[in-house]
PDB file of N, CA and C in Angstrom:
ATOM      1  N   GLU A   1       1.023  -1.453   0.181  1.00  0.00           N
ATOM      2  CA  GLU A   1      -0.018   0.352  -0.017  1.00  0.00           C
ATOM      3  C   GLU A   1       0.748   1.181   0.470  1.00  0.00           C
ATOM      4  N   MET A   2       0.562   2.289  -1.171  1.00  0.00           N
ATOM      5  CA  MET A   2       1.215   3.542  -0.949  1.00  0.00           C
ATOM      6  C   MET A   2       0.596   4.194   0.376  1.00  0.00           C
ATOM      7  N   GLN A   3       1.757   5.260   0.762  1.00  0.00           N
ATOM      8  CA  GLN A   3       1.516   6.034   2.316  1.00  0.00           C
ATOM      9  C   GLN A   3       0.246   7.230   1.441  1.00  0.00           C
ATOM     10  N   PRO A   4      -0.781   7.283   2.167  1.00  0.00           N
ATOM     11  CA  PRO A   4      -1.776   8.371   2.101  1.00  0.00           C
ATOM     12  C   PRO A   4      -1.244   9.677   1.720  1.00  0.00           C
ATOM     13  N   ASP A   5      -0.189   9.934   2.140  1.00  0.00           N
ATOM     14  CA  ASP A   5       0.028  11.489   2.182  1.00  0.00           C
ATOM     15  C   ASP A   5       1.030  11.373   1.175  1.00  0.00           C
ATOM     16  N   LYS A   6       1.948  10.184   0.530  1.00  0.00           N
ATOM     17  CA  LYS A   6       2.183  10.500  -0.865  1.00  0.00           C
ATOM     18  C   LYS A   6       1.394  10.422  -1.517  1.00  0.00           C
ATOM     19  N   GLY A   7       0.349   9.765  -1.994  1.00  0.00           N
ATOM     20  CA  GLY A   7      -0.815   9.669  -2.938  1.00  0.00           C
ATOM     21  C   GLY A   7      -1.317  10.960  -2.923  1.00  0.00           C
ATOM     22  N   LEU A   8      -1.878  11.567  -1.907  1.00  0.00           N
ATOM     23  CA  LEU A   8      -2.752  12.485  -1.702  1.00  0.00           C
ATOM     24  C   LEU A   8      -1.831  13.908  -2.040  1.00  0.00           C
ATOM     25  N   GLU A   9      -0.808  14.202  -2.073  1.00  0.00           N
ATOM     26  CA  GLU A   9       0.051  14.992  -2.578  1.00  0.00           C
ATOM     27  C   GLU A   9       0.104  15.060  -4.141  1.00  0.00           C
ATOM     28  N   MET A  10      -0.064  13.697  -4.319  1.00  0.00           N
ATOM     29  CA  MET A  10       0.599  13.673  -5.692  1.00  0.00           C
ATOM     30  C   MET A  10      -0.663  14.345  -6.444  1.00  0.00           C
ATOM     31  N   THR A  11      -1.853  13.496  -5.938  1.00  0.00           N
ATOM     32  CA  THR A  11      -2.952  13.574  -6.945  1.00  0.00           C
ATOM     33  C   THR A  11      -3.954  15.267  -6.385  1.00  0.00           C
ATOM     34  N   VAL A  12      -3.192  15.870  -5.250  1.00  0.00           N
ATOM     35  CA  VAL A  12      -3.605  17.328  -5.357  1.00  0.00           C
ATOM     36  C   VAL A  12      -2.608  17.925  -6.411  1.00  0.00           C
ATOM     37  N   ALA A  13      -1.657  17.649  -7.227  1.00  0.00           N
ATOM     38  CA  ALA A  13      -0.225  18.130  -7.815  1.00  0.00           C
ATOM     39  C   ALA A  13      -1.311  18.305  -9.125  1.00  0.00           C
ATOM     40  N   LEU A  14      -1.604  16.922  -9.374  1.00  0.00           N
ATOM     41  CA  LEU A  14      -2.271  16.575 -10.631  1.00  0.00           C
ATOM     42  C   LEU A  14      -3.424  17.150 -10.584  1.00  0.00           C
ATOM     43  N   ARG A  15      -4.524  17.337  -9.666  1.00  0.00           N
ATOM     44  CA  ARG A  15      -5.931  17.900  -9.804  1.00  0.00           C
ATOM     45  C   ARG A  15      -5.267  19.622  -9.924  1.00  0.00           C
ATOM     46  N   GLU A  16      -4.622  19.788  -9.129  1.00  0.00           N
ATOM     47  CA  GLU A  16      -4.502  21.252  -9.393  1.00  0.00           C
ATOM     48  C   GLU A  16      -3.699  21.963 -10.755  1.00  0.00           C
ATOM     49  N   THR A  17      -3.188  21.395 -11.427  1.00  0.00           N
ATOM     50  CA  THR A  17      -2.111  21.566 -12.623  1.00  0.00           C
ATOM     51  C   THR A  17      -3.763  21.501 -13.400  1.00  0.00           C
ATOM     52  N   ASP A  18      -4.434  20.341 -13.760  1.00  0.00           N
ATOM     53  CA  ASP A  18      -5.437  19.722 -14.323  1.00  0.00           C
ATOM     54  C   ASP A  18      -6.911  20.820 -14.512  1.00  0.00           C
ATOM     55  N   ALA A  19      -6.620  21.638 -13.047  1.00  0.00           N
ATOM     56  CA  ALA A  19      -8.429  22.753 -13.284  1.00  0.00           C
ATOM     57  C   ALA A  19      -7.347  23.816 -13.391  1.00  0.00           C
ATOM     58  N   GLY A  20      -6.312  24.148 -12.189  1.00  0.00           N
ATOM     59  CA  GLY A  20      -5.938  25.523 -12.820  1.00  0.00           C
ATOM     60  C   GLY A  20      -6.892  26.885 -12.564  1.00  0.00           C
ATOM     61  N   GLN A  21      -6.962  26.323 -11.265  1.00  0.00           N
ATOM     62  CA  GLN A  21      -8.087  27.233 -10.602  1.00  0.00           C
ATOM     63  C   GLN A  21      -7.580  27.904  -9.057  1.00  0.00           C
ATOM     64  N   GLY A  22      -6.816  26.943  -8.597  1.00  0.00           N
ATOM     65  CA  GLY A  22      -5.951  27.478  -7.441  1.00  0.00           C
ATOM     66  C   GLY A  22      -7.096  28.012  -5.841  1.00  0.00           C
ATOM     67  N   VAL A  23      -7.791  26.695  -6.014  1.00  0.00           N
ATOM     68  CA  VAL A  23      -8.860  26.424  -5.131  1.00  0.00           C
ATOM     69  C   VAL A  23      -8.286  25.743  -4.098  1.00  0.00           C
ATOM     70  N   PRO A  24      -7.270  25.533  -3.482  1.00  0.00           N
ATOM     71  CA  PRO A  24      -7.068  24.735  -2.216  1.00  0.00           C
ATOM     72  C   PRO A  24      -7.676  23.538  -1.534  1.00  0.00           C
ATOM     73  N   GLY A  25      -9.218  24.118  -0.914  1.00  0.00           N
ATOM     74  CA  GLY A  25     -10.603  23.547  -0.407  1.00  0.00           C
ATOM     75  C   GLY A  25     -11.014  22.473  -1.403  1.00  0.00           C
ATOM     76  N   ASN A  26     -10.883  23.021  -2.629  1.00  0.00           N
ATOM     77  CA  ASN A  26     -11.689  22.037  -3.309  1.00  0.00           C
ATOM     78  C   ASN A  26     -10.517  20.877  -3.870  1.00  0.00           C
ATOM     79  N   PHE A  27      -9.227  20.744  -4.246  1.00  0.00           N
ATOM     80  CA  PHE A  27      -8.194  20.454  -4.581  1.00  0.00           C
ATOM     81  C   PHE A  27      -8.344  19.375  -3.319  1.00  0.00           C
ATOM     82  N   ARG A  28      -8.189  19.674  -2.169  1.00  0.00           N
ATOM     83  CA  ARG A  28      -7.768  18.754  -0.826  1.00  0.00           C
ATOM     84  C   ARG A  28      -8.957  18.073  -0.974  1.00  0.00           C
ATOM     85  N   ALA A  29     -10.454  18.580  -0.909  1.00  0.00           N
ATOM     86  CA  ALA A  29     -11.818  17.644  -1.294  1.00  0.00           C
ATOM     87  C   ALA A  29     -11.379  16.662  -1.676  1.00  0.00           C
ATOM     88  N   LEU A  30     -11.353  16.937  -3.349  1.00  0.00           N
ATOM     89  CA  LEU A  30     -11.139  16.122  -4.359  1.00  0.00           C
ATOM     90  C   LEU A  30     -10.129  15.275  -4.041  1.00  0.00           C
ATOM     91  N   ALA A  31      -9.007  15.792  -4.031  1.00  0.00           N
ATOM     92  CA  ALA A  31      -7.774  14.650  -4.068  1.00  0.00           C
ATOM     93  C   ALA A  31      -8.406  13.222  -2.703  1.00  0.00           C
ATOM     94  N   THR A  32      -8.622  13.824  -1.823  1.00  0.00           N
ATOM     95  CA  THR A  32      -9.083  12.983  -0.261  1.00  0.00           C
ATOM     96  C   THR A  32     -10.493  11.940  -1.132  1.00  0.00           C
ATOM     97  N   PHE A  33     -11.016  12.524  -2.109  1.00  0.00           N
ATOM     98  CA  PHE A  33     -12.207  11.468  -2.134  1.00  0.00           C
ATOM     99  C   PHE A  33     -11.591  10.797  -3.020  1.00  0.00           C
ATOM    100  N   ASN A  34     -10.540  10.975  -4.055  1.00  0.00           N
ATOM    101  CA  ASN A  34     -10.136   9.748  -4.928  1.00  0.00           C
ATOM    102  C   ASN A  34      -9.579   9.029  -4.358  1.00  0.00           C
ATOM    103  N   PHE A  35      -8.688   9.769  -3.307  1.00  0.00           N
ATOM    104  CA  PHE A  35      -7.849   8.641  -2.858  1.00  0.00           C
ATOM    105  C   PHE A  35      -8.679   7.538  -1.864  1.00  0.00           C
ATOM    106  N   ILE A  36      -9.627   7.856  -1.287  1.00  0.00           N
ATOM    107  CA  ILE A  36     -10.696   7.169  -0.959  1.00  0.00           C
ATOM    108  C   ILE A  36     -11.492   6.003  -1.929  1.00  0.00           C
ATOM    109  N   TYR A  37     -11.801   6.756  -2.727  1.00  0.00           N
ATOM    110  CA  TYR A  37     -12.745   6.211  -3.545  1.00  0.00           C
ATOM    111  C   TYR A  37     -11.761   5.337  -4.322  1.00  0.00           C
ATOM    112  N   GLN A  38      -9.997   5.549  -4.714  1.00  0.00           N
ATOM    113  CA  GLN A  38      -9.324   4.037  -5.527  1.00  0.00           C
ATOM    114  C   GLN A  38      -8.868   3.210  -4.339  1.00  0.00           C
TER     115      GLN A  38
END
């Protein structure tokens, strides 16, 4: 199992680049949901 911290960090970075909106709250929520879903 990969560590949640690394997974979230990478997901947030990818989401932030993809969205390009700069909304930390939304990115964190999306990243957390993505990580739990996967």
